[in-house]
């Protein structure tokens, strides 16, 4: 059931920290690539409809580090790893902080650590 799936998500050792107090959460925010005409604010922004990259969720942890998560609901593909690694590399360059990146396959709670 959905309730059981959510309970698992909230309690798994790898995913429970995503819901900890103190995290700042950015959902579906665009990241403009450096050197791009849309890159006037090279940070996560709501006003970037033409953004080059749009991760599903980015957490800024209390220590300042970032966690990038992209949710997938189907099969595992290598292009998912590449996609999320690109998000992480760009954020690393822009934010100059530690970045961790994960592809999260929701159906079976599988986490692919990418960066």
Protein backbone atom coordinates (compact mmCIF):
# COMPACT_ATOMS: atom_id res chain seq x y z
CA UNK A 1 0.00 0.00 0.00
CA UNK A 2 1.00 3.63 -0.34
CA UNK A 3 1.07 4.00 3.43
CA UNK A 4 3.54 1.11 3.79
CA UNK A 5 5.71 2.46 0.97
CA UNK A 6 5.88 5.90 2.62
CA UNK A 7 6.63 4.38 6.02
CA UNK A 8 9.54 2.52 4.43
CA UNK A 9 10.79 5.69 2.75
CA UNK A 10 10.68 7.65 6.01
CA UNK A 11 12.48 4.97 8.03
CA UNK A 12 15.17 3.50 5.75
CA UNK A 13 18.63 4.47 7.05
CA UNK A 14 19.58 5.89 3.63
CA UNK A 15 16.41 7.94 3.09
CA UNK A 16 15.28 8.99 6.59
CA UNK A 17 17.88 11.84 6.73
CA UNK A 18 16.16 13.43 3.72
CA UNK A 19 13.29 14.35 6.03
CA UNK A 20 15.37 15.66 8.93
CA UNK A 21 14.78 19.10 10.38
CA UNK A 22 17.26 21.70 9.23
CA UNK A 23 17.37 20.66 5.58
CA UNK A 24 16.43 23.34 3.10
CA UNK A 25 14.56 21.71 0.20
CA UNK A 26 14.41 22.86 -3.42
CA UNK A 27 11.93 20.98 -5.64
CA UNK A 28 12.13 21.13 -9.43
CA UNK A 29 14.37 24.21 -9.46
CA UNK A 30 16.28 25.05 -12.60
CA UNK A 31 20.05 25.37 -12.66
CA UNK A 32 21.46 27.61 -15.36
CA UNK A 33 24.77 26.47 -16.80
CA UNK A 34 27.74 28.85 -16.64
CA UNK A 35 28.21 30.74 -19.88
CA UNK A 36 24.57 30.31 -20.89
CA UNK A 37 22.43 33.32 -21.76
CA UNK A 38 20.00 32.21 -19.02
CA UNK A 39 22.70 32.14 -16.36
CA UNK A 40 22.12 35.55 -14.76
CA UNK A 41 21.57 33.93 -11.33
CA UNK A 42 23.80 30.88 -11.25
CA UNK A 43 21.93 29.25 -8.41
CA UNK A 44 18.76 27.26 -7.93
CA UNK A 45 15.96 29.46 -9.13
CA UNK A 46 12.21 29.35 -9.65
CA UNK A 47 12.46 31.83 -12.51
CA UNK A 48 14.42 29.62 -14.88
CA UNK A 49 11.87 28.09 -17.24
CA UNK A 50 14.62 27.71 -19.84
CA UNK A 51 17.12 26.22 -17.39
CA UNK A 52 19.49 23.66 -18.77
CA UNK A 53 19.12 21.35 -15.78
CA UNK A 54 16.23 20.68 -13.41
CA UNK A 55 16.83 18.06 -10.70
CA UNK A 56 13.77 16.69 -8.92
CA UNK A 57 15.00 17.66 -5.46
CA UNK A 58 18.03 19.33 -3.92
CA UNK A 59 18.61 19.45 -0.18
CA UNK A 60 20.92 21.99 1.43
CA UNK A 61 21.95 20.31 4.64
CA UNK A 62 22.64 22.23 7.86
CA UNK A 63 26.40 21.83 7.23
CA UNK A 64 26.02 23.60 3.85
CA UNK A 65 26.56 20.51 1.71
CA UNK A 66 24.09 19.61 -1.03
CA UNK A 67 22.25 16.39 -1.83
CA UNK A 68 20.79 16.03 -5.33
CA UNK A 69 18.06 13.42 -5.83
CA UNK A 70 16.37 12.48 -9.04
CA UNK A 71 13.39 10.15 -8.75
CA UNK A 72 12.79 7.39 -11.26
CA UNK A 73 9.81 5.06 -11.44
CA UNK A 74 10.88 2.64 -14.14
CA UNK A 75 13.91 0.62 -15.12
CA UNK A 76 17.52 1.40 -14.32
CA UNK A 77 19.39 3.07 -17.19
CA UNK A 78 22.96 4.34 -17.37
CA UNK A 79 21.69 7.66 -18.76
CA UNK A 80 20.14 8.33 -15.32
CA UNK A 81 23.60 8.22 -13.74
CA UNK A 82 24.92 10.65 -16.35
CA UNK A 83 21.96 13.00 -15.91
CA UNK A 84 22.37 13.26 -12.14
CA UNK A 85 26.17 13.45 -12.31
CA UNK A 86 25.75 16.49 -14.57
CA UNK A 87 23.46 18.14 -12.02
CA UNK A 88 25.96 17.46 -9.24
CA UNK A 89 29.00 18.66 -11.18
CA UNK A 90 27.26 21.91 -12.08
CA UNK A 91 26.15 22.52 -8.49
CA UNK A 92 29.65 21.71 -7.25
CA UNK A 93 31.04 24.38 -9.56
CA UNK A 94 28.40 26.98 -8.66
CA UNK A 95 28.07 26.39 -4.91
CA UNK A 96 31.68 25.45 -4.13
CA UNK A 97 30.55 22.97 -1.48
CA UNK A 98 30.37 19.22 -1.05
CA UNK A 99 27.73 17.66 -3.30
CA UNK A 100 26.27 14.17 -3.12
CA UNK A 101 23.99 12.85 -5.86
CA UNK A 102 21.57 9.93 -5.92
CA UNK A 103 19.19 8.40 -8.42
CA UNK A 104 16.31 7.03 -6.38
CA UNK A 105 14.28 4.21 -7.97
CA UNK A 106 11.06 4.58 -6.06
CA UNK A 107 9.34 1.29 -6.81
CA UNK A 108 11.91 -0.78 -4.95
CA UNK A 109 13.65 1.89 -2.82
CA UNK A 110 16.91 1.39 -4.72
CA UNK A 111 19.47 4.18 -4.38
CA UNK A 112 22.17 4.58 -7.02
CA UNK A 113 24.91 6.75 -5.53
CA UNK A 114 26.33 8.80 -8.38
CA UNK A 115 28.55 11.58 -7.09
